[in-house]
Amino acid sequence: MASSNRRKNYALIASVIVAGGLLLSPTKAAAQTGIALRLGQPDEVTLGVDGRLTLDVAAFAPVDKSNFTYLPAGATTAEPFRMAAGTSITQARLGFFGGYGNWTGRIDVNYTGQRVTFCDIYAAYAFNPQTRIVLGHQLEPLSIGMNTSTRHGSVTTPLPLDFLIPYTRHWGLAGTHWGDKYWFGAGLFAGSSERVNARENHMGEGYGFSARAVWRPINTDQTTVHFGFSAVARTPERVTSDDGIVAVGGRSGSVVENRRFIAGAFSGISYYSICDLEAAYRDDRFFVQGEALCTTFVAKDTGGYLTNGDNLYRRLYHGEGLSFWGGYLVGSYMLRGKQRSYSNSGAAFSNVNNEVEPGGNVELMIGGSAIDTQDHMGQAYEALGAVNWYPNTAMMLGLSYTFTSFSKDATALGRLISQNGSGLSYHTLQLRAQFVF
C-alpha cells in the first residue's frame, strides 16, 4: 500500500512539473502533451490526460442598428436591436487516453455553449502505422475544416461550414488508410451524444455514410499541396415527429454572439447529402486553404416545406430537393517563424509549426466566405483579418476583425425585423486566447 501511494505521489509531482514547464518554456512546449501515469500497470499500458482552454472576448458594431428591432425568445413585444460585447469560455476540454499494444482509446469531456458534453469516445485498432479502424463517437471523414481539431482554431469557424455541415460527431465505425501522397477514410454513422437522447417511442437520430479522399502531389517538410473531396448521405437528425423537422442555421463573426441570423426549419425531409471540395497549400511562409460546399435536402414522397420563421417560404413536392451553396478561402503569411505543420495521418493542418522561434511565431491572416440559400433564408458574405501570436506550441493569442453582411431574408427565424427591408451588417472585433496541454 505504501509503495502504491508513493507511485501516486510521484505521478502527481511529475504532472505538476510538466504543466509548469509548459507555462514557463517559450519554445519547447508541446501542443499536445501526454502525461503518462503508470500506477502499477504493465509496461505495455499507457494512460494519459490532455486538454485545452479557449477564451473569446468580442465586441460588435452594427452598421445601422436603429433600422432593426428584435423579438427575444418568449417575448411578445419587439425590442430595439442590440449586440452586446461579451466574454465566453468557448471551450474547456479534458481528455483521457490510453493504449495497449495496437489498441488505443480516449474519452473527452467538453464544456462549450454553456453545457458539458462528451466529445470523442472511441477505441481504435492500428493494423499498421498507416491503417486503423475506429469504433465510437468521433468526427466523420468530411471536410478539412471540420476535421481540423478545435485546438487549432485560431479564428472563428467560417459561416458556410457552420451552416452547411449541420452536425459535429456521431457514433460509428470508420477506417482510415494513408500514404505519403494520399489519404482515404470512410465510415458508417448513426446518432450522436450531443443530440436528443433516445427514449421510448422516439424517432431515430439518423444514419448515414461518409467518405473523404485526399491527394498530396507535393508533400515534404517544407511544402504541402493538398486536394480533397468528401461526401456524406444520411437521414435527418433531431427528428422528433413524423413530419421530419430538421433545423438548420449558422453563426457568424464570433460564438460570443450566439444568434443564427441565417436559420430555418425543414419538415418532411427524407434525407440530405453534403459534397465538399477542398484545397490547400503551405510552404515555410505562406498558407492558403479553401473549401466549396453544397448541401441538398430531399423531401419525402409526401412532400415537405421550408420556413425561415416569417412564413412558409418554400413547398417541396414528391421527392424534390433543395440545395444550398457556400465556400471560404483563408490565407496567412508568417511574419516570424515558419508556417503551420501538416499531419499526414489526419490530412489536416495545425495552427502552428512544431518548432517556435524565440519570442514566438507571428502570423498575419486574411480570408473571406460566402453562402447562398437561394433567397430562402438569406445570403451572406464575410471578410476576415487577423494577427496571431504563438509564444510556444501550447499557447496562442489572436486578434481578429470580421465584417459580416446579410441579405434581407436573414431574419434569425423571424426575430430580426427590418424597418426598411434592408439586410443586417456588422463589424466584429475579437480577442482569442488558447492554452493547450
Foldseek 3Di string as FASTA:
>chain_A
DVVLVVLVVVLVVQVVVLVVCLVPDLWQNFQWDFRWRCRVDPPQKTKGKWWKWKKKWKAKFWPCQQQKWFADPPHDDTHRDDDGTDMDRQKTKMKMKMDGVQKIFMWMWMQHPNDIFIAGGWMKGAPDPFKIKIFFKYFFPDDQQLLFDPSQPQDDRAFCCCFQVVDHIFGWIKMWGFDQFKIKMKIKGFHHRPADDDDPPFDGAKIKIKMKMKGWPDGDFFKTKIKMKMKMKMAHGNQGDQQRKHKTFGDPQDCVRVFGLQIKIKTQWGMKMKIKIKIWMFGFWKIKIKMKMKMKTWGDQPWMFMALQPDGQGTGHRGDMFMKIKMKMKMKGKPAGTAWGADRSSRHTHRHHSTADQQWIKMWMWMKMKIDRPLRRWIKMKIKTKMWTRSYSFKIKMKMKMKMWIALNSGSSVRMDGNVSGTIIMMMIMIMIMGID
